[in-house]
Structure formats: C-alpha cells, structure tokens
Amino acid sequence: MQLTKTIILKLDAPDNDLAELLGAFSQGMNYASQIVFDIGKPVGSGLIQKATYKHLRNNLNPEISDGL
C-alpha cells in the first residue's frame, strides 16, 4: 500500500533558496526524462545516471550541486 501526505509549509523567514533548489531539481528531472524518452525503451537507473550525471553536475547551480 502506498500512502501520500500533503503538507503546508510555513517559513518564518522566507528566502529564495528553496525556490532555487526546486527549480534546479525540476530542470534536472526534465533533462533526465528527455534522455529516457530519447532512448525510447525502459532503462535502468545505472544507465540513466551514466547518461545524465556529468551534464547535471556541470550545469546545476554550483552552490546546489556542491552538496551532491
């Protein structure tokens, strides 16, 4: 059984860090999705990592990708 929980997040001192992180995540997922779509068949996570890692590592915001 899969359970999903939606929460409301209230930040005391909002800044742009979370928005930047989510933007970078979204860009990375869109890039990886396009690679998998272009391959045209189901592939494993190892192949997806090999096909996307260098591009994502070099093109994400450096402050965000330092933690990867």
N, C-alpha and C. Protein backbone atom coordinates (compact mmCIF):
# COMPACT_ATOMS: atom_id res chain seq x y z
N MET A 1 0.84 -1.17 0.00
CA MET A 1 0.00 0.00 0.00
C MET A 1 0.89 1.24 0.00
N GLN A 2 0.53 2.21 -0.83
CA GLN A 2 1.28 3.46 -0.90
C GLN A 2 0.47 4.56 -0.24
N LEU A 3 1.13 5.36 0.58
CA LEU A 3 0.48 6.44 1.31
C LEU A 3 1.10 7.76 0.89
N THR A 4 0.27 8.75 0.60
CA THR A 4 0.75 10.08 0.22
C THR A 4 0.22 11.09 1.22
N LYS A 5 1.11 11.98 1.66
CA LYS A 5 0.72 13.02 2.62
C LYS A 5 1.10 14.37 2.04
N THR A 6 0.16 15.29 2.00
CA THR A 6 0.40 16.65 1.55
C THR A 6 0.45 17.55 2.77
N ILE A 7 1.50 18.37 2.85
CA ILE A 7 1.63 19.26 3.99
C ILE A 7 1.72 20.70 3.52
N ILE A 8 1.38 21.61 4.41
CA ILE A 8 1.55 23.04 4.15
C ILE A 8 2.81 23.46 4.90
N LEU A 9 3.71 24.11 4.21
CA LEU A 9 4.98 24.52 4.80
C LEU A 9 4.96 26.03 4.98
N LYS A 10 5.09 26.49 6.22
CA LYS A 10 5.14 27.91 6.51
C LYS A 10 6.55 28.25 6.97
N LEU A 11 7.19 29.18 6.26
CA LEU A 11 8.56 29.57 6.58
C LEU A 11 8.55 30.87 7.38
N ASP A 12 9.31 30.90 8.49
CA ASP A 12 9.39 32.11 9.30
C ASP A 12 10.09 33.25 8.55
N ALA A 13 11.16 32.92 7.87
CA ALA A 13 11.93 33.94 7.14
C ALA A 13 12.14 33.43 5.72
N PRO A 14 11.14 33.59 4.86
CA PRO A 14 11.25 33.05 3.50
C PRO A 14 12.40 33.69 2.71
N ASP A 15 13.06 32.89 1.94
CA ASP A 15 14.09 33.37 1.02
C ASP A 15 13.98 32.58 -0.27
N ASN A 16 14.89 32.80 -1.17
CA ASN A 16 14.81 32.15 -2.48
C ASN A 16 15.52 30.81 -2.56
N ASP A 17 16.16 30.37 -1.48
CA ASP A 17 16.92 29.11 -1.52
C ASP A 17 16.05 27.92 -1.91
N LEU A 18 14.89 27.82 -1.29
CA LEU A 18 14.01 26.68 -1.59
C LEU A 18 13.51 26.75 -3.03
N ALA A 19 13.16 27.94 -3.50
CA ALA A 19 12.69 28.09 -4.88
C ALA A 19 13.81 27.73 -5.86
N GLU A 20 15.05 28.14 -5.56
CA GLU A 20 16.18 27.80 -6.43
C GLU A 20 16.43 26.30 -6.44
N LEU A 21 16.36 25.68 -5.28
CA LEU A 21 16.56 24.23 -5.18
C LEU A 21 15.50 23.48 -5.98
N LEU A 22 14.25 23.87 -5.82
CA LEU A 22 13.17 23.20 -6.54
C LEU A 22 13.27 23.45 -8.04
N GLY A 23 13.72 24.64 -8.44
CA GLY A 23 13.92 24.94 -9.85
C GLY A 23 15.01 24.06 -10.45
N ALA A 24 16.13 23.91 -9.72
CA ALA A 24 17.22 23.07 -10.20
C ALA A 24 16.79 21.60 -10.27
N PHE A 25 16.04 21.16 -9.27
CA PHE A 25 15.53 19.78 -9.27
C PHE A 25 14.63 19.55 -10.47
N SER A 26 13.74 20.50 -10.73
CA SER A 26 12.82 20.38 -11.86
C SER A 26 13.58 20.33 -13.18
N GLN A 27 14.58 21.19 -13.34
CA GLN A 27 15.39 21.18 -14.57
C GLN A 27 16.11 19.85 -14.73
N GLY A 28 16.66 19.33 -13.64
CA GLY A 28 17.36 18.05 -13.70
C GLY A 28 16.44 16.90 -14.07
N MET A 29 15.25 16.89 -13.49
CA MET A 29 14.29 15.83 -13.80
C MET A 29 13.80 15.93 -15.24
N ASN A 30 13.59 17.15 -15.71
CA ASN A 30 13.18 17.33 -17.11
C ASN A 30 14.27 16.85 -18.06
N TYR A 31 15.52 17.14 -17.74
CA TYR A 31 16.64 16.68 -18.58
C TYR A 31 16.70 15.15 -18.60
N ALA A 32 16.63 14.55 -17.41
CA ALA A 32 16.70 13.08 -17.33
C ALA A 32 15.50 12.44 -18.05
N SER A 33 14.33 13.03 -17.91
CA SER A 33 13.15 12.50 -18.60
C SER A 33 13.32 12.54 -20.11
N GLN A 34 13.90 13.63 -20.61
CA GLN A 34 14.13 13.74 -22.06
C GLN A 34 15.12 12.69 -22.55
N ILE A 35 16.17 12.44 -21.78
CA ILE A 35 17.14 11.41 -22.14
C ILE A 35 16.46 10.05 -22.23
N VAL A 36 15.67 9.70 -21.23
CA VAL A 36 14.98 8.41 -21.23
C VAL A 36 14.00 8.33 -22.39
N PHE A 37 13.28 9.42 -22.66
CA PHE A 37 12.34 9.44 -23.78
C PHE A 37 13.08 9.23 -25.09
N ASP A 38 14.24 9.88 -25.25
CA ASP A 38 15.02 9.75 -26.47
C ASP A 38 15.55 8.32 -26.67
N ILE A 39 15.85 7.63 -25.58
CA ILE A 39 16.31 6.24 -25.69
C ILE A 39 15.19 5.37 -26.25
N GLY A 40 13.96 5.66 -25.85
CA GLY A 40 12.81 5.01 -26.46
C GLY A 40 12.40 3.68 -25.89
N LYS A 41 13.03 3.26 -24.81
CA LYS A 41 12.65 1.99 -24.19
C LYS A 41 12.97 2.09 -22.70
N PRO A 42 12.38 1.24 -21.88
CA PRO A 42 12.69 1.27 -20.44
C PRO A 42 14.16 0.98 -20.20
N VAL A 43 14.77 1.76 -19.31
CA VAL A 43 16.18 1.57 -18.97
C VAL A 43 16.34 1.61 -17.46
N GLY A 44 17.42 1.04 -16.99
CA GLY A 44 17.71 1.01 -15.56
C GLY A 44 18.33 2.30 -15.06
N SER A 45 18.35 2.42 -13.74
CA SER A 45 18.87 3.64 -13.12
C SER A 45 20.35 3.85 -13.40
N GLY A 46 21.12 2.78 -13.52
CA GLY A 46 22.55 2.91 -13.81
C GLY A 46 22.80 3.59 -15.15
N LEU A 47 22.06 3.19 -16.16
CA LEU A 47 22.22 3.80 -17.48
C LEU A 47 21.77 5.26 -17.46
N ILE A 48 20.69 5.55 -16.74
CA ILE A 48 20.23 6.93 -16.63
C ILE A 48 21.28 7.78 -15.94
N GLN A 49 21.89 7.27 -14.89
CA GLN A 49 22.93 8.03 -14.18
C GLN A 49 24.12 8.29 -15.10
N LYS A 50 24.56 7.26 -15.82
CA LYS A 50 25.70 7.43 -16.74
C LYS A 50 25.39 8.45 -17.83
N ALA A 51 24.14 8.49 -18.28
CA ALA A 51 23.77 9.37 -19.37
C ALA A 51 23.54 10.82 -18.91
N THR A 52 23.30 11.03 -17.63
CA THR A 52 22.92 12.38 -17.17
C THR A 52 23.86 13.01 -16.17
N TYR A 53 24.65 12.24 -15.45
CA TYR A 53 25.40 12.77 -14.31
C TYR A 53 26.29 13.95 -14.66
N LYS A 54 27.16 13.80 -15.64
CA LYS A 54 28.11 14.86 -15.96
C LYS A 54 27.41 16.16 -16.37
N HIS A 55 26.38 16.03 -17.19
CA HIS A 55 25.64 17.22 -17.62
C HIS A 55 24.99 17.92 -16.43
N LEU A 56 24.32 17.15 -15.60
CA LEU A 56 23.63 17.74 -14.45
C LEU A 56 24.62 18.32 -13.46
N ARG A 57 25.70 17.63 -13.21
CA ARG A 57 26.72 18.10 -12.26
C ARG A 57 27.34 19.41 -12.73
N ASN A 58 27.56 19.54 -14.02
CA ASN A 58 28.21 20.74 -14.56
C ASN A 58 27.25 21.89 -14.80
N ASN A 59 25.96 21.64 -14.88
CA ASN A 59 25.02 22.68 -15.27
C ASN A 59 24.06 23.14 -14.19
N LEU A 60 24.01 22.45 -13.06
CA LEU A 60 23.18 22.93 -11.96
C LEU A 60 23.89 24.10 -11.29
N ASN A 61 23.13 24.86 -10.54
CA ASN A 61 23.70 25.95 -9.75
C ASN A 61 24.84 25.37 -8.91
N PRO A 62 26.05 25.92 -9.00
CA PRO A 62 27.21 25.35 -8.28
C PRO A 62 26.98 25.24 -6.76
N GLU A 63 26.26 26.18 -6.16
CA GLU A 63 26.02 26.12 -4.73
C GLU A 63 25.15 24.92 -4.39
N ILE A 64 24.22 24.59 -5.26
CA ILE A 64 23.34 23.44 -5.02
C ILE A 64 24.10 22.15 -5.31
N SER A 65 24.85 22.12 -6.42
CA SER A 65 25.50 20.86 -6.81
C SER A 65 26.68 20.51 -5.94
N ASP A 66 27.20 21.45 -5.14
CA ASP A 66 28.29 21.12 -4.23
C ASP A 66 27.88 20.07 -3.21
N GLY A 67 26.61 20.02 -2.87
CA GLY A 67 26.13 19.06 -1.90
C GLY A 67 25.86 17.68 -2.47
N LEU A 68 25.96 17.52 -3.78
CA LEU A 68 25.67 16.22 -4.39
C LEU A 68 26.78 15.25 -4.20
